[in-house]
PDB file of N, CA and C in Angstrom:
ATOM      1  N   MET A   1     -17.046  30.340 -12.094  1.00  0.00           N
ATOM      2  CA  MET A   1     -15.810  29.934 -11.456  1.00  0.00           C
ATOM      3  C   MET A   1     -16.122  28.947 -10.331  1.00  0.00           C
ATOM      4  N   GLU A   2     -15.381  27.862 -10.277  1.00  0.00           N
ATOM      5  CA  GLU A   2     -15.600  26.809  -9.288  1.00  0.00           C
ATOM      6  C   GLU A   2     -15.002  27.215  -7.946  1.00  0.00           C
ATOM      7  N   SER A   3     -15.777  27.041  -6.868  1.00  0.00           N
ATOM      8  CA  SER A   3     -15.281  27.399  -5.549  1.00  0.00           C
ATOM      9  C   SER A   3     -14.228  26.400  -5.087  1.00  0.00           C
ATOM     10  N   ALA A   4     -13.445  26.797  -4.101  1.00  0.00           N
ATOM     11  CA  ALA A   4     -12.398  25.916  -3.568  1.00  0.00           C
ATOM     12  C   ALA A   4     -13.010  24.658  -2.970  1.00  0.00           C
ATOM     13  N   ALA A   5     -14.156  24.802  -2.289  1.00  0.00           N
ATOM     14  CA  ALA A   5     -14.815  23.636  -1.688  1.00  0.00           C
ATOM     15  C   ALA A   5     -15.321  22.689  -2.769  1.00  0.00           C
ATOM     16  N   ALA A   6     -15.904  23.240  -3.827  1.00  0.00           N
ATOM     17  CA  ALA A   6     -16.395  22.394  -4.917  1.00  0.00           C
ATOM     18  C   ALA A   6     -15.251  21.671  -5.599  1.00  0.00           C
ATOM     19  N   LYS A   7     -14.132  22.348  -5.744  1.00  0.00           N
ATOM     20  CA  LYS A   7     -12.958  21.719  -6.352  1.00  0.00           C
ATOM     21  C   LYS A   7     -12.404  20.619  -5.449  1.00  0.00           C
ATOM     22  N   LEU A   8     -12.340  20.886  -4.136  1.00  0.00           N
ATOM     23  CA  LEU A   8     -11.830  19.896  -3.188  1.00  0.00           C
ATOM     24  C   LEU A   8     -12.716  18.659  -3.146  1.00  0.00           C
ATOM     25  N   PHE A   9     -14.039  18.883  -3.050  1.00  0.00           N
ATOM     26  CA  PHE A   9     -14.977  17.771  -2.931  1.00  0.00           C
ATOM     27  C   PHE A   9     -15.492  17.333  -4.300  1.00  0.00           C
ATOM     28  N   SER A  10     -14.558  16.988  -5.155  1.00  0.00           N
ATOM     29  CA  SER A  10     -14.907  16.462  -6.469  1.00  0.00           C
ATOM     30  C   SER A  10     -14.173  15.141  -6.668  1.00  0.00           C
ATOM     31  N   PHE A  11     -14.691  14.329  -7.555  1.00  0.00           N
ATOM     32  CA  PHE A  11     -14.085  13.031  -7.838  1.00  0.00           C
ATOM     33  C   PHE A  11     -13.592  13.062  -9.273  1.00  0.00           C
ATOM     34  N   PRO A  12     -12.371  12.603  -9.513  1.00  0.00           N
ATOM     35  CA  PRO A  12     -11.844  12.685 -10.878  1.00  0.00           C
ATOM     36  C   PRO A  12     -12.628  11.809 -11.859  1.00  0.00           C
ATOM     37  N   ASP A  13     -12.753  12.319 -13.061  1.00  0.00           N
ATOM     38  CA  ASP A  13     -13.378  11.556 -14.141  1.00  0.00           C
ATOM     39  C   ASP A  13     -12.740  12.016 -15.435  1.00  0.00           C
ATOM     40  N   PRO A  14     -11.927  11.185 -16.054  1.00  0.00           N
ATOM     41  CA  PRO A  14     -11.699   9.764 -15.788  1.00  0.00           C
ATOM     42  C   PRO A  14     -10.690   9.533 -14.665  1.00  0.00           C
ATOM     43  N   VAL A  15     -10.559   8.255 -14.307  1.00  0.00           N
ATOM     44  CA  VAL A  15      -9.637   7.800 -13.265  1.00  0.00           C
ATOM     45  C   VAL A  15      -8.589   6.917 -13.941  1.00  0.00           C
ATOM     46  N   ASN A  16      -7.358   6.995 -13.449  1.00  0.00           N
ATOM     47  CA  ASN A  16      -6.312   6.113 -13.960  1.00  0.00           C
ATOM     48  C   ASN A  16      -6.484   4.732 -13.312  1.00  0.00           C
ATOM     49  N   GLU A  17      -6.812   3.741 -14.129  1.00  0.00           N
ATOM     50  CA  GLU A  17      -7.041   2.374 -13.635  1.00  0.00           C
ATOM     51  C   GLU A  17      -5.809   1.813 -12.930  1.00  0.00           C
ATOM     52  N   VAL A  18      -4.623   2.178 -13.377  1.00  0.00           N
ATOM     53  CA  VAL A  18      -3.393   1.700 -12.740  1.00  0.00           C
ATOM     54  C   VAL A  18      -3.355   2.172 -11.286  1.00  0.00           C
ATOM     55  N   SER A  19      -3.603   3.453 -11.067  1.00  0.00           N
ATOM     56  CA  SER A  19      -3.613   3.989  -9.697  1.00  0.00           C
ATOM     57  C   SER A  19      -4.728   3.371  -8.867  1.00  0.00           C
ATOM     58  N   ALA A  20      -5.907   3.211  -9.470  1.00  0.00           N
ATOM     59  CA  ALA A  20      -7.039   2.627  -8.742  1.00  0.00           C
ATOM     60  C   ALA A  20      -6.703   1.216  -8.264  1.00  0.00           C
ATOM     61  N   ARG A  21      -6.059   0.425  -9.110  1.00  0.00           N
ATOM     62  CA  ARG A  21      -5.699  -0.946  -8.733  1.00  0.00           C
ATOM     63  C   ARG A  21      -4.621  -0.963  -7.661  1.00  0.00           C
ATOM     64  N   LEU A  22      -3.683  -0.021  -7.726  1.00  0.00           N
ATOM     65  CA  LEU A  22      -2.644   0.043  -6.697  1.00  0.00           C
ATOM     66  C   LEU A  22      -3.229   0.449  -5.337  1.00  0.00           C
ATOM     67  N   VAL A  23      -4.174   1.392  -5.346  1.00  0.00           N
ATOM     68  CA  VAL A  23      -4.855   1.775  -4.099  1.00  0.00           C
ATOM     69  C   VAL A  23      -5.608   0.568  -3.542  1.00  0.00           C
ATOM     70  N   ALA A  24      -6.303  -0.155  -4.406  1.00  0.00           N
ATOM     71  CA  ALA A  24      -7.036  -1.347  -3.960  1.00  0.00           C
ATOM     72  C   ALA A  24      -6.083  -2.367  -3.350  1.00  0.00           C
ATOM     73  N   GLY A  25      -4.923  -2.546  -3.959  1.00  0.00           N
ATOM     74  CA  GLY A  25      -3.924  -3.457  -3.400  1.00  0.00           C
ATOM     75  C   GLY A  25      -3.442  -3.001  -2.023  1.00  0.00           C
ATOM     76  N   GLY A  26      -3.279  -1.688  -1.856  1.00  0.00           N
ATOM     77  CA  GLY A  26      -2.890  -1.147  -0.551  1.00  0.00           C
ATOM     78  C   GLY A  26      -3.950  -1.396   0.505  1.00  0.00           C
ATOM     79  N   VAL A  27      -5.216  -1.271   0.118  1.00  0.00           N
ATOM     80  CA  VAL A  27      -6.321  -1.534   1.052  1.00  0.00           C
ATOM     81  C   VAL A  27      -6.324  -3.012   1.446  1.00  0.00           C
ATOM     82  N   VAL A  28      -6.121  -3.892   0.476  1.00  0.00           N
ATOM     83  CA  VAL A  28      -6.065  -5.331   0.778  1.00  0.00           C
ATOM     84  C   VAL A  28      -4.919  -5.615   1.743  1.00  0.00           C
ATOM     85  N   LEU A  29      -3.755  -5.037   1.482  1.00  0.00           N
ATOM     86  CA  LEU A  29      -2.603  -5.237   2.362  1.00  0.00           C
ATOM     87  C   LEU A  29      -2.892  -4.760   3.786  1.00  0.00           C
ATOM     88  N   MET A  30      -3.490  -3.576   3.925  1.00  0.00           N
ATOM     89  CA  MET A  30      -3.824  -3.075   5.262  1.00  0.00           C
ATOM     90  C   MET A  30      -4.861  -3.960   5.942  1.00  0.00           C
ATOM     91  N   SER A  31      -5.812  -4.476   5.183  1.00  0.00           N
ATOM     92  CA  SER A  31      -6.834  -5.356   5.747  1.00  0.00           C
ATOM     93  C   SER A  31      -6.224  -6.658   6.249  1.00  0.00           C
ATOM     94  N   VAL A  32      -5.339  -7.226   5.460  1.00  0.00           N
ATOM     95  CA  VAL A  32      -4.660  -8.464   5.871  1.00  0.00           C
ATOM     96  C   VAL A  32      -3.827  -8.215   7.121  1.00  0.00           C
ATOM     97  N   LEU A  33      -3.127  -7.085   7.162  1.00  0.00           N
ATOM     98  CA  LEU A  33      -2.330  -6.757   8.347  1.00  0.00           C
ATOM     99  C   LEU A  33      -3.214  -6.569   9.579  1.00  0.00           C
ATOM    100  N   ALA A  34      -4.349  -5.907   9.413  1.00  0.00           N
ATOM    101  CA  ALA A  34      -5.263  -5.693  10.540  1.00  0.00           C
ATOM    102  C   ALA A  34      -5.723  -7.020  11.125  1.00  0.00           C
ATOM    103  N   ILE A  35      -6.001  -7.984  10.251  1.00  0.00           N
ATOM    104  CA  ILE A  35      -6.470  -9.293  10.709  1.00  0.00           C
ATOM    105  C   ILE A  35      -5.324 -10.128  11.253  1.00  0.00           C
ATOM    106  N   ALA A  36      -4.240 -10.236  10.484  1.00  0.00           N
ATOM    107  CA  ALA A  36      -3.119 -11.106  10.869  1.00  0.00           C
ATOM    108  C   ALA A  36      -2.426 -10.647  12.139  1.00  0.00           C
ATOM    109  N   LEU A  37      -2.310  -9.338  12.312  1.00  0.00           N
ATOM    110  CA  LEU A  37      -1.625  -8.797  13.488  1.00  0.00           C
ATOM    111  C   LEU A  37      -2.583  -8.415  14.608  1.00  0.00           C
ATOM    112  N   ASP A  38      -3.875  -8.703  14.413  1.00  0.00           N
ATOM    113  CA  ASP A  38      -4.916  -8.365  15.389  1.00  0.00           C
ATOM    114  C   ASP A  38      -4.808  -6.895  15.817  1.00  0.00           C
ATOM    115  N   GLN A  39      -4.876  -6.025  14.818  1.00  0.00           N
ATOM    116  CA  GLN A  39      -4.791  -4.582  15.051  1.00  0.00           C
ATOM    117  C   GLN A  39      -6.085  -3.918  14.565  1.00  0.00           C
ATOM    118  N   PRO A  40      -7.146  -4.006  15.375  1.00  0.00           N
ATOM    119  CA  PRO A  40      -8.439  -3.489  14.921  1.00  0.00           C
ATOM    120  C   PRO A  40      -8.454  -1.979  14.656  1.00  0.00           C
ATOM    121  N   TRP A  41      -7.524  -1.238  15.223  1.00  0.00           N
ATOM    122  CA  TRP A  41      -7.475   0.204  14.969  1.00  0.00           C
ATOM    123  C   TRP A  41      -7.227   0.491  13.489  1.00  0.00           C
ATOM    124  N   LEU A  42      -6.603  -0.451  12.787  1.00  0.00           N
ATOM    125  CA  LEU A  42      -6.373  -0.260  11.355  1.00  0.00           C
ATOM    126  C   LEU A  42      -7.679  -0.174  10.568  1.00  0.00           C
ATOM    127  N   THR A  43      -8.758  -0.736  11.115  1.00  0.00           N
ATOM    128  CA  THR A  43     -10.040  -0.617  10.415  1.00  0.00           C
ATOM    129  C   THR A  43     -10.467   0.847  10.325  1.00  0.00           C
ATOM    130  N   ALA A  44     -10.145   1.632  11.342  1.00  0.00           N
ATOM    131  CA  ALA A  44     -10.476   3.065  11.313  1.00  0.00           C
ATOM    132  C   ALA A  44      -9.649   3.786  10.253  1.00  0.00           C
ATOM    133  N   VAL A  45      -8.393   3.408  10.110  1.00  0.00           N
ATOM    134  CA  VAL A  45      -7.533   4.000   9.079  1.00  0.00           C
ATOM    135  C   VAL A  45      -8.076   3.654   7.690  1.00  0.00           C
ATOM    136  N   ILE A  46      -8.460   2.406   7.513  1.00  0.00           N
ATOM    137  CA  ILE A  46      -9.029   1.967   6.235  1.00  0.00           C
ATOM    138  C   ILE A  46     -10.326   2.726   5.950  1.00  0.00           C
ATOM    139  N   ALA A  47     -11.185   2.845   6.960  1.00  0.00           N
ATOM    140  CA  ALA A  47     -12.461   3.561   6.790  1.00  0.00           C
ATOM    141  C   ALA A  47     -12.224   5.025   6.427  1.00  0.00           C
ATOM    142  N   TYR A  48     -11.272   5.674   7.110  1.00  0.00           N
ATOM    143  CA  TYR A  48     -10.962   7.070   6.772  1.00  0.00           C
ATOM    144  C   TYR A  48     -10.558   7.191   5.304  1.00  0.00           C
ATOM    145  N   GLY A  49      -9.715   6.279   4.848  1.00  0.00           N
ATOM    146  CA  GLY A  49      -9.263   6.314   3.461  1.00  0.00           C
ATOM    147  C   GLY A  49     -10.419   6.214   2.487  1.00  0.00           C
ATOM    148  N   PHE A  50     -11.350   5.308   2.753  1.00  0.00           N
ATOM    149  CA  PHE A  50     -12.507   5.178   1.868  1.00  0.00           C
ATOM    150  C   PHE A  50     -13.349   6.445   1.870  1.00  0.00           C
ATOM    151  N   VAL A  51     -13.624   6.990   3.051  1.00  0.00           N
ATOM    152  CA  VAL A  51     -14.431   8.220   3.135  1.00  0.00           C
ATOM    153  C   VAL A  51     -13.726   9.348   2.387  1.00  0.00           C
ATOM    154  N   ALA A  52     -12.426   9.495   2.601  1.00  0.00           N
ATOM    155  CA  ALA A  52     -11.665  10.552   1.930  1.00  0.00           C
ATOM    156  C   ALA A  52     -11.725  10.386   0.413  1.00  0.00           C
ATOM    157  N   ARG A  53     -11.597   9.147  -0.070  1.00  0.00           N
ATOM    158  CA  ARG A  53     -11.615   8.923  -1.519  1.00  0.00           C
ATOM    159  C   ARG A  53     -13.004   9.132  -2.120  1.00  0.00           C
ATOM    160  N   VAL A  54     -14.066   8.801  -1.389  1.00  0.00           N
ATOM    161  CA  VAL A  54     -15.419   9.067  -1.899  1.00  0.00           C
ATOM    162  C   VAL A  54     -15.640  10.572  -2.020  1.00  0.00           C
ATOM    163  N   LEU A  55     -15.199  11.318  -1.023  1.00  0.00           N
ATOM    164  CA  LEU A  55     -15.453  12.758  -1.000  1.00  0.00           C
ATOM    165  C   LEU A  55     -14.554  13.552  -1.930  1.00  0.00           C
ATOM    166  N   THR A  56     -13.267  13.150  -2.041  1.00  0.00           N
ATOM    167  CA  THR A  56     -12.304  14.001  -2.750  1.00  0.00           C
ATOM    168  C   THR A  56     -11.416  13.258  -3.737  1.00  0.00           C
ATOM    169  N   GLY A  57     -11.729  12.004  -4.038  1.00  0.00           N
ATOM    170  CA  GLY A  57     -10.795  11.230  -4.862  1.00  0.00           C
ATOM    171  C   GLY A  57      -9.522  11.019  -4.053  1.00  0.00           C
ATOM    172  N   PRO A  58      -8.365  11.125  -4.659  1.00  0.00           N
ATOM    173  CA  PRO A  58      -7.133  10.884  -3.911  1.00  0.00           C
ATOM    174  C   PRO A  58      -6.652  12.083  -3.088  1.00  0.00           C
ATOM    175  N   THR A  59      -7.316  13.221  -3.196  1.00  0.00           N
ATOM    176  CA  THR A  59      -6.822  14.464  -2.602  1.00  0.00           C
ATOM    177  C   THR A  59      -6.569  14.375  -1.099  1.00  0.00           C
ATOM    178  N   LEU A  60      -7.503  13.863  -0.312  1.00  0.00           N
ATOM    179  CA  LEU A  60      -7.342  13.795   1.146  1.00  0.00           C
ATOM    180  C   LEU A  60      -7.023  12.389   1.642  1.00  0.00           C
ATOM    181  N   SER A  61      -6.745  11.488   0.725  1.00  0.00           N
ATOM    182  CA  SER A  61      -6.417  10.108   1.080  1.00  0.00           C
ATOM    183  C   SER A  61      -4.899   9.931   1.075  1.00  0.00           C
ATOM    184  N   PRO A  62      -4.303   9.642   2.239  1.00  0.00           N
ATOM    185  CA  PRO A  62      -2.847   9.416   2.244  1.00  0.00           C
ATOM    186  C   PRO A  62      -2.430   8.319   1.270  1.00  0.00           C
ATOM    187  N   LEU A  63      -3.153   7.210   1.241  1.00  0.00           N
ATOM    188  CA  LEU A  63      -2.826   6.134   0.318  1.00  0.00           C
ATOM    189  C   LEU A  63      -3.005   6.598  -1.132  1.00  0.00           C
ATOM    190  N   GLY A  64      -4.066   7.343  -1.395  1.00  0.00           N
ATOM    191  CA  GLY A  64      -4.290   7.881  -2.737  1.00  0.00           C
ATOM    192  C   GLY A  64      -3.168   8.804  -3.179  1.00  0.00           C
ATOM    193  N   GLN A  65      -2.677   9.623  -2.272  1.00  0.00           N
ATOM    194  CA  GLN A  65      -1.578  10.528  -2.592  1.00  0.00           C
ATOM    195  C   GLN A  65      -0.277   9.769  -2.846  1.00  0.00           C
ATOM    196  N   ILE A  66       0.016   8.795  -1.991  1.00  0.00           N
ATOM    197  CA  ILE A  66       1.233   7.992  -2.171  1.00  0.00           C
ATOM    198  C   ILE A  66       1.223   7.320  -3.536  1.00  0.00           C
ATOM    199  N   VAL A  67       0.074   6.749  -3.886  1.00  0.00           N
ATOM    200  CA  VAL A  67      -0.030   6.026  -5.160  1.00  0.00           C
ATOM    201  C   VAL A  67       0.019   6.985  -6.346  1.00  0.00           C
ATOM    202  N   THR A  68      -0.814   8.033  -6.340  1.00  0.00           N
ATOM    203  CA  THR A  68      -0.910   8.899  -7.528  1.00  0.00           C
ATOM    204  C   THR A  68       0.300   9.804  -7.710  1.00  0.00           C
ATOM    205  N   LYS A  69       0.919  10.219  -6.623  1.00  0.00           N
ATOM    206  CA  LYS A  69       2.060  11.140  -6.726  1.00  0.00           C
ATOM    207  C   LYS A  69       3.410  10.429  -6.660  1.00  0.00           C
ATOM    208  N   GLY A  70       3.455   9.273  -5.991  1.00  0.00           N
ATOM    209  CA  GLY A  70       4.735   8.617  -5.781  1.00  0.00           C
ATOM    210  C   GLY A  70       4.967   7.339  -6.550  1.00  0.00           C
ATOM    211  N   ILE A  71       3.989   6.448  -6.535  1.00  0.00           N
ATOM    212  CA  ILE A  71       4.209   5.118  -7.112  1.00  0.00           C
ATOM    213  C   ILE A  71       3.890   5.077  -8.605  1.00  0.00           C
ATOM    214  N   THR A  72       2.680   5.470  -8.982  1.00  0.00           N
ATOM    215  CA  THR A  72       2.254   5.364 -10.378  1.00  0.00           C
ATOM    216  C   THR A  72       3.201   6.087 -11.343  1.00  0.00           C
ATOM    217  N   PRO A  73       3.644   7.313 -11.045  1.00  0.00           N
ATOM    218  CA  PRO A  73       4.536   7.995 -11.998  1.00  0.00           C
ATOM    219  C   PRO A  73       5.870   7.271 -12.217  1.00  0.00           C
ATOM    220  N   ARG A  74       6.273   6.444 -11.269  1.00  0.00           N
ATOM    221  CA  ARG A  74       7.555   5.742 -11.378  1.00  0.00           C
ATOM    222  C   ARG A  74       7.444   4.395 -12.088  1.00  0.00           C
ATOM    223  N   LEU A  75       6.237   3.975 -12.359  1.00  0.00           N
ATOM    224  CA  LEU A  75       6.045   2.678 -13.018  1.00  0.00           C
ATOM    225  C   LEU A  75       6.136   2.819 -14.536  1.00  0.00           C
ATOM    226  N   PRO A  76       6.664   1.801 -15.196  1.00  0.00           N
ATOM    227  CA  PRO A  76       6.770   1.862 -16.652  1.00  0.00           C
ATOM    228  C   PRO A  76       5.464   1.450 -17.343  1.00  0.00           C
ATOM    229  N   LEU A  77       4.350   1.939 -16.817  1.00  0.00           N
ATOM    230  CA  LEU A  77       3.036   1.609 -17.372  1.00  0.00           C
ATOM    231  C   LEU A  77       2.381   2.880 -17.887  1.00  0.00           C
ATOM    232  N   ARG A  78       1.692   2.758 -18.998  1.00  0.00           N
ATOM    233  CA  ARG A  78       0.977   3.926 -19.507  1.00  0.00           C
ATOM    234  C   ARG A  78      -0.337   4.076 -18.744  1.00  0.00           C
ATOM    235  N   GLU A  79      -0.821   5.297 -18.698  1.00  0.00           N
ATOM    236  CA  GLU A  79      -2.089   5.585 -18.027  1.00  0.00           C
ATOM    237  C   GLU A  79      -3.223   4.869 -18.749  1.00  0.00           C
ATOM    238  N   ARG A  80      -4.161   4.330 -17.952  1.00  0.00           N
ATOM    239  CA  ARG A  80      -5.348   3.663 -18.509  1.00  0.00           C
ATOM    240  C   ARG A  80      -6.594   4.364 -17.968  1.00  0.00           C
ATOM    241  N   PRO A  81      -7.092   5.378 -18.671  1.00  0.00           N
ATOM    242  CA  PRO A  81      -8.264   6.106 -18.174  1.00  0.00           C
ATOM    243  C   PRO A  81      -9.541   5.264 -18.261  1.00  0.00           C
ATOM    244  N   VAL A  82     -10.284   5.281 -17.165  1.00  0.00           N
ATOM    245  CA  VAL A  82     -11.584   4.606 -17.089  1.00  0.00           C
ATOM    246  C   VAL A  82     -12.568   5.574 -16.442  1.00  0.00           C
ATOM    247  N   PRO A  83     -13.886   5.367 -16.625  1.00  0.00           N
ATOM    248  CA  PRO A  83     -14.875   6.277 -16.027  1.00  0.00           C
ATOM    249  C   PRO A  83     -14.757   6.343 -14.497  1.00  0.00           C
ATOM    250  N   GLY A  84     -14.906   7.558 -13.963  1.00  0.00           N
ATOM    251  CA  GLY A  84     -14.799   7.764 -12.521  1.00  0.00           C
ATOM    252  C   GLY A  84     -15.995   7.302 -11.700  1.00  0.00           C
ATOM    253  N   PRO A  85     -17.238   7.507 -12.156  1.00  0.00           N
ATOM    254  CA  PRO A  85     -18.385   7.152 -11.312  1.00  0.00           C
ATOM    255  C   PRO A  85     -18.411   5.708 -10.802  1.00  0.00           C
ATOM    256  N   PRO A  86     -18.074   4.695 -11.600  1.00  0.00           N
ATOM    257  CA  PRO A  86     -18.053   3.340 -11.028  1.00  0.00           C
ATOM    258  C   PRO A  86     -16.996   3.179  -9.928  1.00  0.00           C
ATOM    259  N   LYS A  87     -15.886   3.891 -10.072  1.00  0.00           N
ATOM    260  CA  LYS A  87     -14.844   3.821  -9.031  1.00  0.00           C
ATOM    261  C   LYS A  87     -15.336   4.500  -7.753  1.00  0.00           C
ATOM    262  N   ARG A  88     -16.061   5.589  -7.899  1.00  0.00           N
ATOM    263  CA  ARG A  88     -16.619   6.271  -6.718  1.00  0.00           C
ATOM    264  C   ARG A  88     -17.645   5.378  -6.028  1.00  0.00           C
ATOM    265  N   PHE A  89     -18.457   4.685  -6.820  1.00  0.00           N
ATOM    266  CA  PHE A  89     -19.420   3.750  -6.247  1.00  0.00           C
ATOM    267  C   PHE A  89     -18.691   2.665  -5.454  1.00  0.00           C
ATOM    268  N   ALA A  90     -17.618   2.125  -6.006  1.00  0.00           N
ATOM    269  CA  ALA A  90     -16.840   1.088  -5.314  1.00  0.00           C
ATOM    270  C   ALA A  90     -16.257   1.626  -4.013  1.00  0.00           C
ATOM    271  N   GLN A  91     -15.779   2.865  -4.022  1.00  0.00           N
ATOM    272  CA  GLN A  91     -15.266   3.475  -2.793  1.00  0.00           C
ATOM    273  C   GLN A  91     -16.399   3.617  -1.769  1.00  0.00           C
ATOM    274  N   GLY A  92     -17.591   3.941  -2.245  1.00  0.00           N
ATOM    275  CA  GLY A  92     -18.750   4.040  -1.354  1.00  0.00           C
ATOM    276  C   GLY A  92     -19.090   2.711  -0.701  1.00  0.00           C
ATOM    277  N   MET A  93     -18.970   1.630  -1.455  1.00  0.00           N
ATOM    278  CA  MET A  93     -19.183   0.300  -0.866  1.00  0.00           C
ATOM    279  C   MET A  93     -18.109   0.028   0.185  1.00  0.00           C
ATOM    280  N   GLY A  94     -16.890   0.462  -0.106  1.00  0.00           N
ATOM    281  CA  GLY A  94     -15.812   0.321   0.869  1.00  0.00           C
ATOM    282  C   GLY A  94     -16.100   1.083   2.152  1.00  0.00           C
ATOM    283  N   VAL A  95     -16.718   2.266   2.017  1.00  0.00           N
ATOM    284  CA  VAL A  95     -17.120   3.043   3.204  1.00  0.00           C
ATOM    285  C   VAL A  95     -18.084   2.222   4.048  1.00  0.00           C
ATOM    286  N   ALA A  96     -19.096   1.661   3.412  1.00  0.00           N
ATOM    287  CA  ALA A  96     -20.114   0.906   4.152  1.00  0.00           C
ATOM    288  C   ALA A  96     -19.498  -0.263   4.911  1.00  0.00           C
ATOM    289  N   PHE A  97     -18.666  -1.036   4.230  1.00  0.00           N
ATOM    290  CA  PHE A  97     -18.087  -2.206   4.883  1.00  0.00           C
ATOM    291  C   PHE A  97     -17.036  -1.825   5.925  1.00  0.00           C
ATOM    292  N   SER A  98     -16.179  -0.867   5.617  1.00  0.00           N
ATOM    293  CA  SER A  98     -15.113  -0.533   6.561  1.00  0.00           C
ATOM    294  C   SER A  98     -15.646   0.208   7.786  1.00  0.00           C
ATOM    295  N   LEU A  99     -16.658   1.063   7.614  1.00  0.00           N
ATOM    296  CA  LEU A  99     -17.245   1.723   8.792  1.00  0.00           C
ATOM    297  C   LEU A  99     -17.963   0.709   9.681  1.00  0.00           C
ATOM    298  N   THR A 100     -18.635  -0.254   9.060  1.00  0.00           N
ATOM    299  CA  THR A 100     -19.280  -1.315   9.839  1.00  0.00           C
ATOM    300  C   THR A 100     -18.234  -2.096  10.622  1.00  0.00           C
ATOM    301  N   ALA A 101     -17.132  -2.456   9.970  1.00  0.00           N
ATOM    302  CA  ALA A 101     -16.060  -3.190  10.645  1.00  0.00           C
ATOM    303  C   ALA A 101     -15.454  -2.362  11.775  1.00  0.00           C
ATOM    304  N   THR A 102     -15.295  -1.066  11.553  1.00  0.00           N
ATOM    305  CA  THR A 102     -14.730  -0.192  12.584  1.00  0.00           C
ATOM    306  C   THR A 102     -15.638  -0.127  13.803  1.00  0.00           C
ATOM    307  N   VAL A 103     -16.936   0.044  13.576  1.00  0.00           N
ATOM    308  CA  VAL A 103     -17.890   0.092  14.692  1.00  0.00           C
ATOM    309  C   VAL A 103     -17.908  -1.233  15.448  1.00  0.00           C
ATOM    310  N   LEU A 104     -17.929  -2.342  14.704  1.00  0.00           N
ATOM    311  CA  LEU A 104     -17.922  -3.653  15.358  1.00  0.00           C
ATOM    312  C   LEU A 104     -16.648  -3.870  16.179  1.00  0.00           C
ATOM    313  N   ALA A 105     -15.497  -3.544  15.593  1.00  0.00           N
ATOM    314  CA  ALA A 105     -14.222  -3.810  16.260  1.00  0.00           C
ATOM    315  C   ALA A 105     -13.946  -2.851  17.401  1.00  0.00           C
ATOM    316  N   LEU A 106     -14.063  -1.566  17.125  1.00  0.00           N
ATOM    317  CA  LEU A 106     -13.689  -0.576  18.136  1.00  0.00           C
ATOM    318  C   LEU A 106     -14.837  -0.192  19.058  1.00  0.00           C
ATOM    319  N   GLY A 107     -16.059  -0.238  18.557  1.00  0.00           N
ATOM    320  CA  GLY A 107     -17.209   0.143  19.375  1.00  0.00           C
ATOM    321  C   GLY A 107     -17.723  -0.979  20.253  1.00  0.00           C
ATOM    322  N   PHE A 108     -17.660  -2.204  19.744  1.00  0.00           N
ATOM    323  CA  PHE A 108     -18.236  -3.342  20.465  1.00  0.00           C
ATOM    324  C   PHE A 108     -17.240  -4.441  20.791  1.00  0.00           C
ATOM    325  N   GLY A 109     -15.996  -4.285  20.370  1.00  0.00           N
ATOM    326  CA  GLY A 109     -14.984  -5.296  20.643  1.00  0.00           C
ATOM    327  C   GLY A 109     -15.196  -6.611  19.898  1.00  0.00           C
ATOM    328  N   LEU A 110     -15.978  -6.571  18.841  1.00  0.00           N
ATOM    329  CA  LEU A 110     -16.285  -7.788  18.069  1.00  0.00           C
ATOM    330  C   LEU A 110     -15.307  -7.922  16.914  1.00  0.00           C
ATOM    331  N   HIS A 111     -14.073  -8.262  17.229  1.00  0.00           N
ATOM    332  CA  HIS A 111     -13.007  -8.314  16.220  1.00  0.00           C
ATOM    333  C   HIS A 111     -13.272  -9.367  15.160  1.00  0.00           C
ATOM    334  N   THR A 112     -13.775 -10.522  15.566  1.00  0.00           N
ATOM    335  CA  THR A 112     -14.030 -11.589  14.593  1.00  0.00           C
ATOM    336  C   THR A 112     -15.143 -11.172  13.644  1.00  0.00           C
ATOM    337  N   ALA A 113     -16.208 -10.593  14.153  1.00  0.00           N
ATOM    338  CA  ALA A 113     -17.299 -10.133  13.291  1.00  0.00           C
ATOM    339  C   ALA A 113     -16.821  -9.033  12.341  1.00  0.00           C
ATOM    340  N   ALA A 114     -15.957  -8.168  12.858  1.00  0.00           N
ATOM    341  CA  ALA A 114     -15.431  -7.065  12.025  1.00  0.00           C
ATOM    342  C   ALA A 114     -14.629  -7.634  10.888  1.00  0.00           C
TER     343      ALA A 114
END
């Protein structure tokens, strides 16, 4: 029997490509807003989302929940299952870049570098 922690800290396989692309679009939108509106605190929100998605898939990610529970089911698109591990790897790359940007922006005030 799988423990609650093991179930929580799991990544879905397969992943719905439609939801994955919508989450990616949300991340791009938040990134553009952070830059255009000079709101470096948004980098921390973006970083949290990536960490949450690497650890639990969409379970602890607010953006992941909005997309998988709210947006994707309302779209007239069929599910497109794809392997989960490459998506988890991509989320991990997002962790590296977004945490670096967060440290640069909020830790050192280097907004342009972030």
